[in-house]
Amino acid sequence: MLDHLGLQCDDVEASVAFYLDVFAPIGIAEVMRYDGPVGPVVGLGVSGFPNLWLAAAEDDGHRPVHLALTAPDRAAVVEVGRRAHARSAEVLHEPRVWPEYHDAYFGVFLRDPDGHNVEAVCHAPED
């Protein structure tokens, strides 16, 4: 169910150093890194999959959590988007492929009632 979690940090590099040191006994490592709109975005994980993302805090003072839930297929991702629209939820990004993550990454992003950025994602290639 849980695919990945994203946290906003005051100092991304300090947070990366903290997680890599403190959680070294469980095998956590830096898996991915890219430049985001306000600084580095770093994916940490075990076994090569980035389950924990650390990024620079947004300027508006609100720190929404980013929660991604694994979908079994692309049709489920599309259905999550449809249901979000039916509830008049803010859909941040319609279902689509996100090649900047990987070639088969298919996700929809929306806001929950508390303003968190929630995503449904399927990692399987198109049927």
N, C-alpha and C. Protein backbone atom coordinates (compact mmCIF):
# COMPACT_ATOMS: atom_id res chain seq x y z
N MET A 1 0.81 -1.19 0.00
CA MET A 1 0.00 0.00 0.00
C MET A 1 0.86 1.26 0.00
N LEU A 2 1.75 1.43 0.98
CA LEU A 2 2.59 2.63 1.01
C LEU A 2 3.69 2.51 -0.02
N ASP A 3 3.72 3.45 -0.96
CA ASP A 3 4.74 3.46 -1.99
C ASP A 3 5.91 4.33 -1.56
N HIS A 4 5.61 5.59 -1.21
CA HIS A 4 6.65 6.46 -0.69
C HIS A 4 6.04 7.63 0.07
N LEU A 5 6.88 8.29 0.85
CA LEU A 5 6.48 9.42 1.68
C LEU A 5 7.46 10.55 1.42
N GLY A 6 6.96 11.77 1.31
CA GLY A 6 7.81 12.94 1.09
C GLY A 6 7.69 13.92 2.24
N LEU A 7 8.83 14.37 2.75
CA LEU A 7 8.86 15.33 3.84
C LEU A 7 9.59 16.59 3.39
N GLN A 8 9.10 17.74 3.85
CA GLN A 8 9.75 19.01 3.56
C GLN A 8 10.68 19.36 4.72
N CYS A 9 11.88 19.81 4.38
CA CYS A 9 12.94 20.03 5.37
C CYS A 9 13.48 21.46 5.30
N ASP A 10 13.90 21.98 6.45
CA ASP A 10 14.56 23.28 6.47
C ASP A 10 15.92 23.21 5.80
N ASP A 11 16.64 22.11 6.02
CA ASP A 11 17.98 21.91 5.47
C ASP A 11 18.04 20.47 4.95
N VAL A 12 17.88 20.32 3.66
CA VAL A 12 17.81 18.99 3.06
C VAL A 12 19.08 18.20 3.33
N GLU A 13 20.23 18.81 3.15
CA GLU A 13 21.49 18.08 3.34
C GLU A 13 21.65 17.61 4.78
N ALA A 14 21.25 18.44 5.75
CA ALA A 14 21.33 18.02 7.16
C ALA A 14 20.38 16.86 7.42
N SER A 15 19.19 16.91 6.83
CA SER A 15 18.23 15.81 7.01
C SER A 15 18.73 14.53 6.36
N VAL A 16 19.30 14.64 5.16
CA VAL A 16 19.86 13.46 4.49
C VAL A 16 20.95 12.84 5.37
N ALA A 17 21.86 13.67 5.87
CA ALA A 17 22.94 13.17 6.73
C ALA A 17 22.38 12.48 7.97
N PHE A 18 21.35 13.07 8.57
CA PHE A 18 20.72 12.49 9.75
C PHE A 18 20.16 11.10 9.45
N TYR A 19 19.33 10.99 8.41
CA TYR A 19 18.70 9.70 8.09
C TYR A 19 19.74 8.65 7.70
N LEU A 20 20.75 9.05 6.91
CA LEU A 20 21.77 8.08 6.50
C LEU A 20 22.58 7.57 7.68
N ASP A 21 22.85 8.42 8.65
CA ASP A 21 23.61 8.01 9.83
C ASP A 21 22.75 7.20 10.80
N VAL A 22 21.65 7.79 11.24
CA VAL A 22 20.84 7.17 12.28
C VAL A 22 20.23 5.85 11.82
N PHE A 23 19.81 5.76 10.57
CA PHE A 23 19.15 4.56 10.08
C PHE A 23 20.07 3.65 9.26
N ALA A 24 21.38 3.87 9.35
CA ALA A 24 22.34 2.98 8.69
C ALA A 24 22.15 1.52 9.08
N PRO A 25 21.81 1.22 10.35
CA PRO A 25 21.64 -0.19 10.72
C PRO A 25 20.53 -0.92 9.95
N ILE A 26 19.60 -0.20 9.37
CA ILE A 26 18.55 -0.87 8.59
C ILE A 26 18.86 -0.88 7.09
N GLY A 27 20.03 -0.34 6.72
CA GLY A 27 20.47 -0.38 5.33
C GLY A 27 20.02 0.76 4.46
N ILE A 28 19.58 1.88 5.06
CA ILE A 28 19.11 3.01 4.27
C ILE A 28 20.28 3.63 3.48
N ALA A 29 19.99 4.05 2.26
CA ALA A 29 21.01 4.64 1.39
C ALA A 29 20.35 5.70 0.51
N GLU A 30 21.16 6.59 -0.05
CA GLU A 30 20.66 7.55 -1.03
C GLU A 30 20.49 6.80 -2.35
N VAL A 31 19.27 6.88 -2.91
CA VAL A 31 18.93 6.14 -4.12
C VAL A 31 18.84 7.06 -5.33
N MET A 32 18.26 8.24 -5.15
CA MET A 32 18.08 9.20 -6.25
C MET A 32 18.26 10.61 -5.72
N ARG A 33 18.59 11.52 -6.63
CA ARG A 33 18.71 12.93 -6.30
C ARG A 33 18.47 13.73 -7.58
N TYR A 34 17.70 14.80 -7.46
CA TYR A 34 17.53 15.72 -8.58
C TYR A 34 17.28 17.11 -8.04
N ASP A 35 17.44 18.11 -8.90
CA ASP A 35 17.20 19.49 -8.51
C ASP A 35 15.72 19.80 -8.64
N GLY A 36 15.09 20.18 -7.52
CA GLY A 36 13.69 20.59 -7.51
C GLY A 36 13.58 22.09 -7.69
N PRO A 37 12.38 22.62 -7.66
CA PRO A 37 12.18 24.06 -7.88
C PRO A 37 12.81 24.94 -6.81
N VAL A 38 12.99 24.42 -5.58
CA VAL A 38 13.58 25.25 -4.51
C VAL A 38 14.77 24.58 -3.84
N GLY A 39 15.39 23.60 -4.53
CA GLY A 39 16.57 22.95 -3.97
C GLY A 39 16.58 21.47 -4.28
N PRO A 40 17.53 20.75 -3.66
CA PRO A 40 17.65 19.32 -3.96
C PRO A 40 16.46 18.51 -3.44
N VAL A 41 16.15 17.46 -4.17
CA VAL A 41 15.15 16.48 -3.77
C VAL A 41 15.89 15.15 -3.73
N VAL A 42 15.87 14.50 -2.56
CA VAL A 42 16.69 13.31 -2.36
C VAL A 42 15.80 12.13 -1.96
N GLY A 43 15.94 11.03 -2.68
CA GLY A 43 15.21 9.81 -2.38
C GLY A 43 16.09 8.83 -1.63
N LEU A 44 15.62 8.42 -0.46
CA LEU A 44 16.35 7.44 0.36
C LEU A 44 15.55 6.14 0.39
N GLY A 45 16.27 5.03 0.53
CA GLY A 45 15.57 3.77 0.61
C GLY A 45 16.49 2.61 0.93
N VAL A 46 15.88 1.45 0.96
CA VAL A 46 16.58 0.19 1.19
C VAL A 46 16.33 -0.65 -0.06
N SER A 47 17.30 -1.38 -0.51
CA SER A 47 17.17 -2.25 -1.69
C SER A 47 16.94 -1.47 -2.98
N GLY A 48 17.43 -0.24 -3.05
CA GLY A 48 17.40 0.51 -4.30
C GLY A 48 16.11 1.21 -4.65
N PHE A 49 15.08 1.17 -3.81
CA PHE A 49 13.81 1.85 -4.11
C PHE A 49 13.64 3.04 -3.18
N PRO A 50 13.41 4.26 -3.73
CA PRO A 50 13.30 5.46 -2.89
C PRO A 50 11.93 5.58 -2.22
N ASN A 51 11.82 5.10 -0.98
CA ASN A 51 10.57 5.17 -0.24
C ASN A 51 10.40 6.45 0.56
N LEU A 52 11.50 7.13 0.86
CA LEU A 52 11.46 8.36 1.65
C LEU A 52 12.13 9.47 0.85
N TRP A 53 11.35 10.53 0.57
CA TRP A 53 11.87 11.66 -0.19
C TRP A 53 12.00 12.87 0.74
N LEU A 54 13.12 13.56 0.64
CA LEU A 54 13.37 14.76 1.42
C LEU A 54 13.57 15.92 0.44
N ALA A 55 12.84 17.00 0.67
CA ALA A 55 12.91 18.16 -0.22
C ALA A 55 12.87 19.43 0.60
N ALA A 56 13.27 20.53 -0.01
CA ALA A 56 13.25 21.83 0.66
C ALA A 56 11.82 22.25 0.96
N ALA A 57 11.64 22.88 2.12
CA ALA A 57 10.32 23.36 2.54
C ALA A 57 9.81 24.42 1.59
N GLU A 58 8.50 24.42 1.38
CA GLU A 58 7.86 25.45 0.57
C GLU A 58 7.89 26.77 1.32
N ASP A 59 7.85 27.87 0.59
CA ASP A 59 7.94 29.20 1.18
C ASP A 59 6.68 29.68 1.89
N ASP A 60 5.54 29.05 1.60
CA ASP A 60 4.27 29.58 2.11
C ASP A 60 3.99 29.26 3.58
N GLY A 61 4.92 28.57 4.24
CA GLY A 61 4.73 28.25 5.65
C GLY A 61 3.93 26.98 5.89
N HIS A 62 3.24 26.49 4.88
CA HIS A 62 2.48 25.24 5.00
C HIS A 62 3.38 24.10 4.54
N ARG A 63 3.43 23.03 5.31
CA ARG A 63 4.28 21.90 4.97
C ARG A 63 3.43 20.65 4.74
N PRO A 64 2.81 20.55 3.58
CA PRO A 64 2.01 19.35 3.35
C PRO A 64 2.91 18.12 3.24
N VAL A 65 2.44 17.03 3.78
CA VAL A 65 3.10 15.74 3.61
C VAL A 65 2.77 15.25 2.21
N HIS A 66 3.70 14.56 1.58
CA HIS A 66 3.42 13.89 0.31
C HIS A 66 3.34 12.39 0.59
N LEU A 67 2.19 11.81 0.34
CA LEU A 67 1.96 10.40 0.57
C LEU A 67 1.58 9.75 -0.75
N ALA A 68 2.32 8.70 -1.14
CA ALA A 68 2.00 7.98 -2.37
C ALA A 68 1.59 6.56 -2.03
N LEU A 69 0.47 6.15 -2.61
CA LEU A 69 -0.06 4.81 -2.40
C LEU A 69 0.07 4.02 -3.70
N THR A 70 0.48 2.77 -3.59
CA THR A 70 0.68 1.93 -4.76
C THR A 70 -0.65 1.44 -5.32
N ALA A 71 -0.82 1.63 -6.61
CA ALA A 71 -2.01 1.14 -7.31
C ALA A 71 -1.65 -0.15 -8.06
N PRO A 72 -2.60 -1.08 -8.20
CA PRO A 72 -2.28 -2.35 -8.86
C PRO A 72 -2.09 -2.22 -10.37
N ASP A 73 -2.71 -1.19 -10.98
CA ASP A 73 -2.59 -1.00 -12.42
C ASP A 73 -2.95 0.44 -12.77
N ARG A 74 -2.75 0.80 -14.02
CA ARG A 74 -3.02 2.17 -14.47
C ARG A 74 -4.51 2.52 -14.42
N ALA A 75 -5.36 1.54 -14.65
CA ALA A 75 -6.81 1.79 -14.57
C ALA A 75 -7.20 2.26 -13.17
N ALA A 76 -6.58 1.71 -12.16
CA ALA A 76 -6.87 2.13 -10.78
C ALA A 76 -6.42 3.57 -10.55
N VAL A 77 -5.29 3.96 -11.12
CA VAL A 77 -4.81 5.34 -11.00
C VAL A 77 -5.82 6.29 -11.64
N VAL A 78 -6.29 5.95 -12.82
CA VAL A 78 -7.29 6.77 -13.52
C VAL A 78 -8.57 6.87 -12.69
N GLU A 79 -8.99 5.76 -12.08
CA GLU A 79 -10.20 5.75 -11.26
C GLU A 79 -10.03 6.61 -10.01
N VAL A 80 -8.84 6.62 -9.41
CA VAL A 80 -8.59 7.51 -8.27
C VAL A 80 -8.79 8.96 -8.71
N GLY A 81 -8.26 9.32 -9.86
CA GLY A 81 -8.45 10.67 -10.37
C GLY A 81 -9.91 11.01 -10.61
N ARG A 82 -10.65 10.06 -11.18
CA ARG A 82 -12.09 10.28 -11.44
C ARG A 82 -12.84 10.51 -10.13
N ARG A 83 -12.54 9.68 -9.12
CA ARG A 83 -13.23 9.81 -7.83
C ARG A 83 -12.85 11.11 -7.13
N ALA A 84 -11.62 11.54 -7.27
CA ALA A 84 -11.21 12.82 -6.68
C ALA A 84 -12.01 13.96 -7.30
N HIS A 85 -12.14 13.94 -8.64
CA HIS A 85 -12.95 14.96 -9.31
C HIS A 85 -14.40 14.90 -8.83
N ALA A 86 -14.94 13.70 -8.67
CA ALA A 86 -16.33 13.55 -8.24
C ALA A 86 -16.56 14.14 -6.85
N ARG A 87 -15.53 14.16 -6.03
CA ARG A 87 -15.63 14.75 -4.68
C ARG A 87 -15.21 16.21 -4.67
N SER A 88 -14.93 16.77 -5.84
CA SER A 88 -14.47 18.16 -5.99
C SER A 88 -13.15 18.41 -5.27
N ALA A 89 -12.33 17.37 -5.19
CA ALA A 89 -10.99 17.54 -4.63
C ALA A 89 -10.11 18.26 -5.65
N GLU A 90 -9.11 18.96 -5.17
CA GLU A 90 -8.16 19.62 -6.07
C GLU A 90 -7.24 18.55 -6.65
N VAL A 91 -7.28 18.39 -7.96
CA VAL A 91 -6.39 17.47 -8.63
C VAL A 91 -5.19 18.28 -9.11
N LEU A 92 -4.04 17.99 -8.54
CA LEU A 92 -2.81 18.73 -8.83
C LEU A 92 -2.24 18.35 -10.19
N HIS A 93 -2.26 17.05 -10.49
CA HIS A 93 -1.76 16.55 -11.77
C HIS A 93 -2.63 15.36 -12.18
N GLU A 94 -3.21 15.47 -13.37
CA GLU A 94 -4.04 14.39 -13.90
C GLU A 94 -3.19 13.14 -14.12
N PRO A 95 -3.81 11.97 -14.20
CA PRO A 95 -3.05 10.73 -14.43
C PRO A 95 -2.23 10.82 -15.71
N ARG A 96 -0.95 10.47 -15.57
CA ARG A 96 -0.06 10.46 -16.74
C ARG A 96 1.23 9.74 -16.38
N VAL A 97 2.04 9.51 -17.40
CA VAL A 97 3.38 8.95 -17.21
C VAL A 97 4.31 10.07 -16.78
N TRP A 98 5.15 9.77 -15.82
CA TRP A 98 6.16 10.72 -15.30
C TRP A 98 7.54 10.16 -15.63
N PRO A 99 8.06 10.38 -16.85
CA PRO A 99 9.33 9.77 -17.26
C PRO A 99 10.53 10.27 -16.46
N GLU A 100 10.40 11.41 -15.80
CA GLU A 100 11.53 11.89 -15.00
C GLU A 100 11.79 10.98 -13.80
N TYR A 101 10.80 10.17 -13.41
CA TYR A 101 10.98 9.20 -12.32
C TYR A 101 11.43 7.86 -12.89
N HIS A 102 10.69 7.31 -13.84
CA HIS A 102 11.10 6.18 -14.67
C HIS A 102 10.05 6.00 -15.77
N ASP A 103 10.40 5.25 -16.78
CA ASP A 103 9.57 5.15 -18.00
C ASP A 103 8.16 4.63 -17.78
N ALA A 104 7.94 3.84 -16.73
CA ALA A 104 6.61 3.26 -16.51
C ALA A 104 5.85 3.93 -15.37
N TYR A 105 6.42 4.97 -14.76
CA TYR A 105 5.79 5.63 -13.60
C TYR A 105 4.51 6.34 -14.05
N PHE A 106 3.36 5.87 -13.56
CA PHE A 106 2.06 6.43 -13.95
C PHE A 106 1.34 6.85 -12.67
N GLY A 107 1.10 8.16 -12.53
CA GLY A 107 0.51 8.63 -11.29
C GLY A 107 -0.46 9.78 -11.46
N VAL A 108 -1.29 9.95 -10.43
CA VAL A 108 -2.21 11.08 -10.29
C VAL A 108 -1.93 11.70 -8.92
N PHE A 109 -1.93 13.03 -8.86
CA PHE A 109 -1.65 13.75 -7.62
C PHE A 109 -2.84 14.63 -7.26
N LEU A 110 -3.23 14.62 -5.98
CA LEU A 110 -4.37 15.43 -5.54
C LEU A 110 -4.16 15.90 -4.11
N ARG A 111 -5.03 16.81 -3.67
CA ARG A 111 -5.00 17.29 -2.28
C ARG A 111 -6.09 16.58 -1.50
N ASP A 112 -5.73 16.13 -0.29
CA ASP A 112 -6.75 15.56 0.59
C ASP A 112 -7.43 16.70 1.34
N PRO A 113 -8.43 16.42 2.18
CA PRO A 113 -9.14 17.50 2.87
C PRO A 113 -8.26 18.37 3.78
N ASP A 114 -7.09 17.86 4.19
CA ASP A 114 -6.19 18.64 5.03
C ASP A 114 -5.09 19.34 4.25
N GLY A 115 -5.14 19.24 2.93
CA GLY A 115 -4.17 19.94 2.09
C GLY A 115 -2.92 19.15 1.77
N HIS A 116 -2.87 17.87 2.17
CA HIS A 116 -1.70 17.05 1.85
C HIS A 116 -1.72 16.63 0.38
N ASN A 117 -0.53 16.48 -0.18
CA ASN A 117 -0.35 16.04 -1.55
C ASN A 117 -0.36 14.51 -1.56
N VAL A 118 -1.45 13.92 -2.05
CA VAL A 118 -1.62 12.48 -2.05
C VAL A 118 -1.58 11.98 -3.49
N GLU A 119 -0.94 10.84 -3.68
CA GLU A 119 -0.72 10.31 -5.02
C GLU A 119 -1.11 8.83 -5.06
N ALA A 120 -1.65 8.42 -6.20
CA ALA A 120 -1.78 6.99 -6.52
C ALA A 120 -0.80 6.75 -7.66
N VAL A 121 0.02 5.70 -7.54
CA VAL A 121 1.05 5.43 -8.54
C VAL A 121 1.10 3.95 -8.88
N CYS A 122 1.30 3.69 -10.17
CA CYS A 122 1.53 2.35 -10.67
C CYS A 122 2.89 2.34 -11.35
N HIS A 123 3.71 1.36 -11.03
CA HIS A 123 5.06 1.26 -11.60
C HIS A 123 5.14 0.28 -12.76
N ALA A 124 4.04 -0.41 -13.06
CA ALA A 124 4.04 -1.42 -14.12
C ALA A 124 3.96 -0.75 -15.48
N PRO A 125 4.60 -1.33 -16.48
CA PRO A 125 4.47 -0.81 -17.84
C PRO A 125 3.03 -0.89 -18.32
N GLU A 126 2.72 -0.13 -19.35
CA GLU A 126 1.36 -0.12 -19.90
C GLU A 126 0.97 -1.52 -20.36
N ASP A 127 -0.29 -1.85 -20.09
CA ASP A 127 -0.80 -3.19 -20.45
C ASP A 127 -0.78 -3.41 -21.95
